[in-house]
PDB file of N, CA and C in Angstrom:
ATOM      1  N   MET A   1     287.359 -73.355  19.920  1.00  0.00           N
ATOM      2  CA  MET A   1     288.332 -72.303  20.142  1.00  0.00           C
ATOM      3  C   MET A   1     287.768 -70.974  19.631  1.00  0.00           C
ATOM      4  N   THR A   2     287.926 -69.924  20.422  1.00  0.00           N
ATOM      5  CA  THR A   2     287.440 -68.608  20.051  1.00  0.00           C
ATOM      6  C   THR A   2     288.375 -67.966  19.043  1.00  0.00           C
ATOM      7  N   VAL A   3     287.800 -67.362  18.012  1.00  0.00           N
ATOM      8  CA  VAL A   3     288.600 -66.635  17.025  1.00  0.00           C
ATOM      9  C   VAL A   3     288.414 -65.143  17.295  1.00  0.00           C
ATOM     10  N   TYR A   4     289.531 -64.473  17.546  1.00  0.00           N
ATOM     11  CA  TYR A   4     289.482 -63.045  17.823  1.00  0.00           C
ATOM     12  C   TYR A   4     289.799 -62.282  16.555  1.00  0.00           C
ATOM     13  N   THR A   5     289.042 -61.226  16.305  1.00  0.00           N
ATOM     14  CA  THR A   5     289.236 -60.465  15.075  1.00  0.00           C
ATOM     15  C   THR A   5     290.047 -59.196  15.293  1.00  0.00           C
ATOM     16  N   ARG A   6     290.325 -58.856  16.530  1.00  0.00           N
ATOM     17  CA  ARG A   6     291.134 -57.671  16.837  1.00  0.00           C
ATOM     18  C   ARG A   6     292.233 -58.076  17.790  1.00  0.00           C
ATOM     19  N   ARG A   7     293.371 -57.421  17.648  1.00  0.00           N
ATOM     20  CA  ARG A   7     294.480 -57.683  18.565  1.00  0.00           C
ATOM     21  C   ARG A   7     294.140 -57.147  19.955  1.00  0.00           C
ATOM     22  N   LEU A   8     294.676 -57.802  20.962  1.00  0.00           N
ATOM     23  CA  LEU A   8     294.489 -57.357  22.343  1.00  0.00           C
ATOM     24  C   LEU A   8     294.962 -55.914  22.493  1.00  0.00           C
ATOM     25  N   SER A   9     296.087 -55.578  21.878  1.00  0.00           N
ATOM     26  CA  SER A   9     296.615 -54.221  21.999  1.00  0.00           C
ATOM     27  C   SER A   9     295.643 -53.188  21.437  1.00  0.00           C
ATOM     28  N   ASP A  10     294.906 -53.538  20.388  1.00  0.00           N
ATOM     29  CA  ASP A  10     293.920 -52.606  19.824  1.00  0.00           C
ATOM     30  C   ASP A  10     292.771 -52.372  20.804  1.00  0.00           C
ATOM     31  N   LYS A  11     292.353 -53.424  21.480  1.00  0.00           N
ATOM     32  CA  LYS A  11     291.273 -53.296  22.461  1.00  0.00           C
ATOM     33  C   LYS A  11     291.729 -52.473  23.664  1.00  0.00           C
ATOM     34  N   ILE A  12     292.963 -52.698  24.103  1.00  0.00           N
ATOM     35  CA  ILE A  12     293.494 -51.925  25.226  1.00  0.00           C
ATOM     36  C   ILE A  12     293.586 -50.459  24.843  1.00  0.00           C
ATOM     37  N   LEU A  13     294.005 -50.177  23.620  1.00  0.00           N
ATOM     38  CA  LEU A  13     294.117 -48.799  23.160  1.00  0.00           C
ATOM     39  C   LEU A  13     292.750 -48.111  23.157  1.00  0.00           C
ATOM     40  N   LEU A  14     291.710 -48.813  22.771  1.00  0.00           N
ATOM     41  CA  LEU A  14     290.356 -48.237  22.808  1.00  0.00           C
ATOM     42  C   LEU A  14     289.928 -47.924  24.243  1.00  0.00           C
ATOM     43  N   ALA A  15     290.225 -48.836  25.162  1.00  0.00           N
ATOM     44  CA  ALA A  15     289.895 -48.601  26.569  1.00  0.00           C
ATOM     45  C   ALA A  15     290.694 -47.417  27.112  1.00  0.00           C
ATOM     46  N   PHE A  16     291.964 -47.306  26.697  1.00  0.00           N
ATOM     47  CA  PHE A  16     292.803 -46.174  27.100  1.00  0.00           C
ATOM     48  C   PHE A  16     292.179 -44.858  26.642  1.00  0.00           C
ATOM     49  N   GLU A  17     291.742 -44.804  25.402  1.00  0.00           N
ATOM     50  CA  GLU A  17     291.130 -43.579  24.870  1.00  0.00           C
ATOM     51  C   GLU A  17     289.887 -43.202  25.677  1.00  0.00           C
ATOM     52  N   GLN A  18     289.084 -44.190  26.031  1.00  0.00           N
ATOM     53  CA  GLN A  18     287.890 -43.921  26.833  1.00  0.00           C
ATOM     54  C   GLN A  18     288.283 -43.399  28.208  1.00  0.00           C
ATOM     55  N   ALA A  19     289.302 -43.985  28.813  1.00  0.00           N
ATOM     56  CA  ALA A  19     289.748 -43.532  30.131  1.00  0.00           C
ATOM     57  C   ALA A  19     290.228 -42.085  30.063  1.00  0.00           C
ATOM     58  N   CYS A  20     290.949 -41.738  29.007  1.00  0.00           N
ATOM     59  CA  CYS A  20     291.417 -40.356  28.849  1.00  0.00           C
ATOM     60  C   CYS A  20     290.249 -39.399  28.686  1.00  0.00           C
ATOM     61  N   GLU A  21     289.293 -39.784  27.864  1.00  0.00           N
ATOM     62  CA  GLU A  21     288.141 -38.918  27.592  1.00  0.00           C
ATOM     63  C   GLU A  21     287.286 -38.689  28.832  1.00  0.00           C
ATOM     64  N   THR A  22     287.287 -39.635  29.751  1.00  0.00           N
ATOM     65  CA  THR A  22     286.471 -39.490  30.958  1.00  0.00           C
ATOM     66  C   THR A  22     287.277 -38.981  32.147  1.00  0.00           C
ATOM     67  N   GLY A  23     288.562 -38.715  31.920  1.00  0.00           N
ATOM     68  CA  GLY A  23     289.390 -38.157  32.989  1.00  0.00           C
ATOM     69  C   GLY A  23     289.910 -39.169  33.982  1.00  0.00           C
ATOM     70  N   ALA A  24     289.811 -40.434  33.657  1.00  0.00           N
ATOM     71  CA  ALA A  24     290.290 -41.493  34.550  1.00  0.00           C
ATOM     72  C   ALA A  24     291.776 -41.751  34.259  1.00  0.00           C
ATOM     73  N   LEU A  25     292.621 -40.800  34.663  1.00  0.00           N
ATOM     74  CA  LEU A  25     294.038 -40.862  34.309  1.00  0.00           C
ATOM     75  C   LEU A  25     294.777 -41.997  34.999  1.00  0.00           C
ATOM     76  N   ASP A  26     294.405 -42.341  36.221  1.00  0.00           N
ATOM     77  CA  ASP A  26     295.039 -43.480  36.892  1.00  0.00           C
ATOM     78  C   ASP A  26     294.765 -44.772  36.123  1.00  0.00           C
ATOM     79  N   CYS A  27     293.534 -44.911  35.680  1.00  0.00           N
ATOM     80  CA  CYS A  27     293.157 -46.083  34.896  1.00  0.00           C
ATOM     81  C   CYS A  27     293.884 -46.064  33.545  1.00  0.00           C
ATOM     82  N   ALA A  28     293.950 -44.899  32.920  1.00  0.00           N
ATOM     83  CA  ALA A  28     294.641 -44.757  31.633  1.00  0.00           C
ATOM     84  C   ALA A  28     296.104 -45.166  31.765  1.00  0.00           C
ATOM     85  N   GLU A  29     296.709 -44.786  32.864  1.00  0.00           N
ATOM     86  CA  GLU A  29     298.114 -45.132  33.088  1.00  0.00           C
ATOM     87  C   GLU A  29     298.292 -46.650  33.215  1.00  0.00           C
ATOM     88  N   GLN A  30     297.387 -47.302  33.926  1.00  0.00           N
ATOM     89  CA  GLN A  30     297.463 -48.756  34.061  1.00  0.00           C
ATOM     90  C   GLN A  30     297.222 -49.445  32.720  1.00  0.00           C
ATOM     91  N   LEU A  31     296.307 -48.887  31.935  1.00  0.00           N
ATOM     92  CA  LEU A  31     296.046 -49.452  30.616  1.00  0.00           C
ATOM     93  C   LEU A  31     297.271 -49.327  29.708  1.00  0.00           C
ATOM     94  N   LEU A  32     298.009 -48.226  29.835  1.00  0.00           N
ATOM     95  CA  LEU A  32     299.235 -48.089  29.045  1.00  0.00           C
ATOM     96  C   LEU A  32     300.278 -49.119  29.457  1.00  0.00           C
ATOM     97  N   LYS A  33     300.327 -49.447  30.734  1.00  0.00           N
ATOM     98  CA  LYS A  33     301.245 -50.502  31.179  1.00  0.00           C
ATOM     99  C   LYS A  33     300.837 -51.841  30.562  1.00  0.00           C
ATOM    100  N   ALA A  34     299.533 -52.098  30.524  1.00  0.00           N
ATOM    101  CA  ALA A  34     299.040 -53.322  29.896  1.00  0.00           C
ATOM    102  C   ALA A  34     299.319 -53.303  28.397  1.00  0.00           C
ATOM    103  N   LEU A  35     299.164 -52.134  27.777  1.00  0.00           N
ATOM    104  CA  LEU A  35     299.449 -51.999  26.347  1.00  0.00           C
ATOM    105  C   LEU A  35     300.915 -52.294  26.057  1.00  0.00           C
ATOM    106  N   GLU A  36     301.782 -51.735  26.878  1.00  0.00           N
ATOM    107  CA  GLU A  36     303.214 -51.968  26.706  1.00  0.00           C
ATOM    108  C   GLU A  36     303.536 -53.456  26.850  1.00  0.00           C
ATOM    109  N   MET A  37     302.936 -54.099  27.844  1.00  0.00           N
ATOM    110  CA  MET A  37     303.166 -55.528  28.044  1.00  0.00           C
ATOM    111  C   MET A  37     302.667 -56.324  26.837  1.00  0.00           C
ATOM    112  N   SER A  38     301.506 -55.954  26.345  1.00  0.00           N
ATOM    113  CA  SER A  38     300.927 -56.644  25.203  1.00  0.00           C
ATOM    114  C   SER A  38     301.802 -56.497  23.956  1.00  0.00           C
ATOM    115  N   LEU A  39     302.326 -55.303  23.759  1.00  0.00           N
ATOM    116  CA  LEU A  39     303.147 -55.048  22.562  1.00  0.00           C
ATOM    117  C   LEU A  39     304.508 -55.729  22.638  1.00  0.00           C
ATOM    118  N   THR A  40     305.005 -55.968  23.834  1.00  0.00           N
ATOM    119  CA  THR A  40     306.357 -56.514  23.963  1.00  0.00           C
ATOM    120  C   THR A  40     306.401 -58.010  24.241  1.00  0.00           C
ATOM    121  N   THR A  41     305.278 -58.621  24.599  1.00  0.00           N
ATOM    122  CA  THR A  41     305.326 -60.036  24.951  1.00  0.00           C
ATOM    123  C   THR A  41     304.595 -60.931  23.968  1.00  0.00           C
ATOM    124  N   MET A  42     303.849 -60.379  23.055  1.00  0.00           N
ATOM    125  CA  MET A  42     303.121 -61.203  22.091  1.00  0.00           C
ATOM    126  C   MET A  42     304.093 -61.802  21.089  1.00  0.00           C
ATOM    127  N   GLY A  43     303.719 -62.908  20.559  1.00  0.00           N
ATOM    128  CA  GLY A  43     304.566 -63.534  19.546  1.00  0.00           C
ATOM    129  C   GLY A  43     305.453 -64.588  20.150  1.00  0.00           C
ATOM    130  N   GLY A  44     306.715 -64.442  19.976  1.00  0.00           N
ATOM    131  CA  GLY A  44     307.691 -65.395  20.472  1.00  0.00           C
ATOM    132  C   GLY A  44     308.838 -65.454  19.489  1.00  0.00           C
ATOM    133  N   PRO A  45     309.711 -66.408  19.669  1.00  0.00           N
ATOM    134  CA  PRO A  45     310.852 -66.513  18.767  1.00  0.00           C
ATOM    135  C   PRO A  45     310.400 -66.625  17.309  1.00  0.00           C
ATOM    136  N   GLY A  46     310.920 -65.762  16.494  1.00  0.00           N
ATOM    137  CA  GLY A  46     310.590 -65.785  15.070  1.00  0.00           C
ATOM    138  C   GLY A  46     309.286 -65.104  14.710  1.00  0.00           C
ATOM    139  N   ALA A  47     308.574 -64.567  15.701  1.00  0.00           N
ATOM    140  CA  ALA A  47     307.303 -63.896  15.421  1.00  0.00           C
ATOM    141  C   ALA A  47     307.555 -62.597  14.671  1.00  0.00           C
ATOM    142  N   VAL A  48     306.670 -62.286  13.758  1.00  0.00           N
ATOM    143  CA  VAL A  48     306.780 -61.063  12.973  1.00  0.00           C
ATOM    144  C   VAL A  48     305.562 -60.203  13.260  1.00  0.00           C
ATOM    145  N   ASP A  49     305.800 -58.971  13.671  1.00  0.00           N
ATOM    146  CA  ASP A  49     304.705 -58.031  13.917  1.00  0.00           C
ATOM    147  C   ASP A  49     304.307 -57.430  12.584  1.00  0.00           C
ATOM    148  N   ARG A  50     303.055 -57.547  12.231  1.00  0.00           N
ATOM    149  CA  ARG A  50     302.577 -57.074  10.924  1.00  0.00           C
ATOM    150  C   ARG A  50     301.981 -55.676  10.969  1.00  0.00           C
ATOM    151  N   ARG A  51     302.133 -55.004  12.101  1.00  0.00           N
ATOM    152  CA  ARG A  51     301.596 -53.644  12.182  1.00  0.00           C
ATOM    153  C   ARG A  51     302.349 -52.748  11.206  1.00  0.00           C
ATOM    154  N   LEU A  52     301.610 -51.963  10.468  1.00  0.00           N
ATOM    155  CA  LEU A  52     302.234 -51.032   9.529  1.00  0.00           C
ATOM    156  C   LEU A  52     302.439 -49.665  10.153  1.00  0.00           C
ATOM    157  N   ASN A  53     301.649 -49.364  11.183  1.00  0.00           N
ATOM    158  CA  ASN A  53     301.679 -48.028  11.755  1.00  0.00           C
ATOM    159  C   ASN A  53     301.688 -48.119  13.279  1.00  0.00           C
ATOM    160  N   MET A  54     302.795 -47.744  13.891  1.00  0.00           N
ATOM    161  CA  MET A  54     302.900 -47.758  15.349  1.00  0.00           C
ATOM    162  C   MET A  54     302.528 -46.395  15.942  1.00  0.00           C
ATOM    163  N   GLU A  55     302.198 -45.439  15.103  1.00  0.00           N
ATOM    164  CA  GLU A  55     301.904 -44.080  15.563  1.00  0.00           C
ATOM    165  C   GLU A  55     300.803 -44.012  16.617  1.00  0.00           C
ATOM    166  N   PRO A  56     299.706 -44.760  16.502  1.00  0.00           N
ATOM    167  CA  PRO A  56     298.665 -44.672  17.538  1.00  0.00           C
ATOM    168  C   PRO A  56     299.184 -45.042  18.930  1.00  0.00           C
ATOM    169  N   TYR A  57     300.123 -45.966  18.992  1.00  0.00           N
ATOM    170  CA  TYR A  57     300.657 -46.397  20.274  1.00  0.00           C
ATOM    171  C   TYR A  57     301.581 -45.330  20.854  1.00  0.00           C
ATOM    172  N   VAL A  58     302.389 -44.751  20.005  1.00  0.00           N
ATOM    173  CA  VAL A  58     303.272 -43.661  20.441  1.00  0.00           C
ATOM    174  C   VAL A  58     302.428 -42.479  20.899  1.00  0.00           C
ATOM    175  N   HIS A  59     301.384 -42.162  20.142  1.00  0.00           N
ATOM    176  CA  HIS A  59     300.497 -41.042  20.479  1.00  0.00           C
ATOM    177  C   HIS A  59     299.844 -41.266  21.847  1.00  0.00           C
ATOM    178  N   ALA A  60     299.500 -42.511  22.177  1.00  0.00           N
ATOM    179  CA  ALA A  60     298.863 -42.808  23.460  1.00  0.00           C
ATOM    180  C   ALA A  60     299.782 -42.412  24.619  1.00  0.00           C
ATOM    181  N   PHE A  61     301.055 -42.761  24.527  1.00  0.00           N
ATOM    182  CA  PHE A  61     302.003 -42.405  25.588  1.00  0.00           C
ATOM    183  C   PHE A  61     302.166 -40.889  25.678  1.00  0.00           C
ATOM    184  N   GLU A  62     302.206 -40.233  24.535  1.00  0.00           N
ATOM    185  CA  GLU A  62     302.322 -38.770  24.523  1.00  0.00           C
ATOM    186  C   GLU A  62     301.069 -38.116  25.090  1.00  0.00           C
ATOM    187  N   ARG A  63     299.907 -38.660  24.763  1.00  0.00           N
ATOM    188  CA  ARG A  63     298.647 -38.093  25.250  1.00  0.00           C
ATOM    189  C   ARG A  63     298.564 -38.171  26.765  1.00  0.00           C
ATOM    190  N   LEU A  64     298.919 -39.310  27.337  1.00  0.00           N
ATOM    191  CA  LEU A  64     298.858 -39.428  28.795  1.00  0.00           C
ATOM    192  C   LEU A  64     299.804 -38.445  29.449  1.00  0.00           C
ATOM    193  N   GLN A  65     300.993 -38.306  28.912  1.00  0.00           N
ATOM    194  CA  GLN A  65     301.962 -37.367  29.483  1.00  0.00           C
ATOM    195  C   GLN A  65     301.417 -35.937  29.438  1.00  0.00           C
ATOM    196  N   ALA A  66     300.809 -35.571  28.321  1.00  0.00           N
ATOM    197  CA  ALA A  66     300.236 -34.228  28.181  1.00  0.00           C
ATOM    198  C   ALA A  66     299.096 -34.013  29.170  1.00  0.00           C
ATOM    199  N   LEU A  67     298.239 -35.020  29.345  1.00  0.00           N
ATOM    200  CA  LEU A  67     297.134 -34.894  30.281  1.00  0.00           C
ATOM    201  C   LEU A  67     297.614 -34.792  31.721  1.00  0.00           C
ATOM    202  N   LYS A  68     298.639 -35.550  32.067  1.00  0.00           N
ATOM    203  CA  LYS A  68     299.191 -35.494  33.425  1.00  0.00           C
ATOM    204  C   LYS A  68     299.850 -34.150  33.683  1.00  0.00           C
ATOM    205  N   ASN A  69     300.501 -33.586  32.678  1.00  0.00           N
ATOM    206  CA  ASN A  69     301.146 -32.277  32.831  1.00  0.00           C
ATOM    207  C   ASN A  69     300.119 -31.157  32.953  1.00  0.00           C
ATOM    208  N   ALA A  70     298.941 -31.346  32.400  1.00  0.00           N
ATOM    209  CA  ALA A  70     297.904 -30.325  32.429  1.00  0.00           C
ATOM    210  C   ALA A  70     297.198 -30.261  33.797  1.00  0.00           C
ATOM    211  N   VAL A  71     297.328 -31.315  34.580  1.00  0.00           N
ATOM    212  CA  VAL A  71     296.637 -31.373  35.883  1.00  0.00           C
ATOM    213  C   VAL A  71     297.372 -30.554  36.919  1.00  0.00           C
TER     214      VAL A  71
END
């Protein structure tokens, strides 16, 4: 069994940042949809999210909106 050291949402967020930096806004938007799915479907009944800081995720949604408005 593979042991992952980073959450899927963290990896998606890194890909989102790269998409924003390269101007691939359509891709960035799809990655945010994947990020949202990852953040809302992981775990299950009784699961506890141990994230201490949700700010990077909120910032990602704000960043995409700002970039889309600038176009």
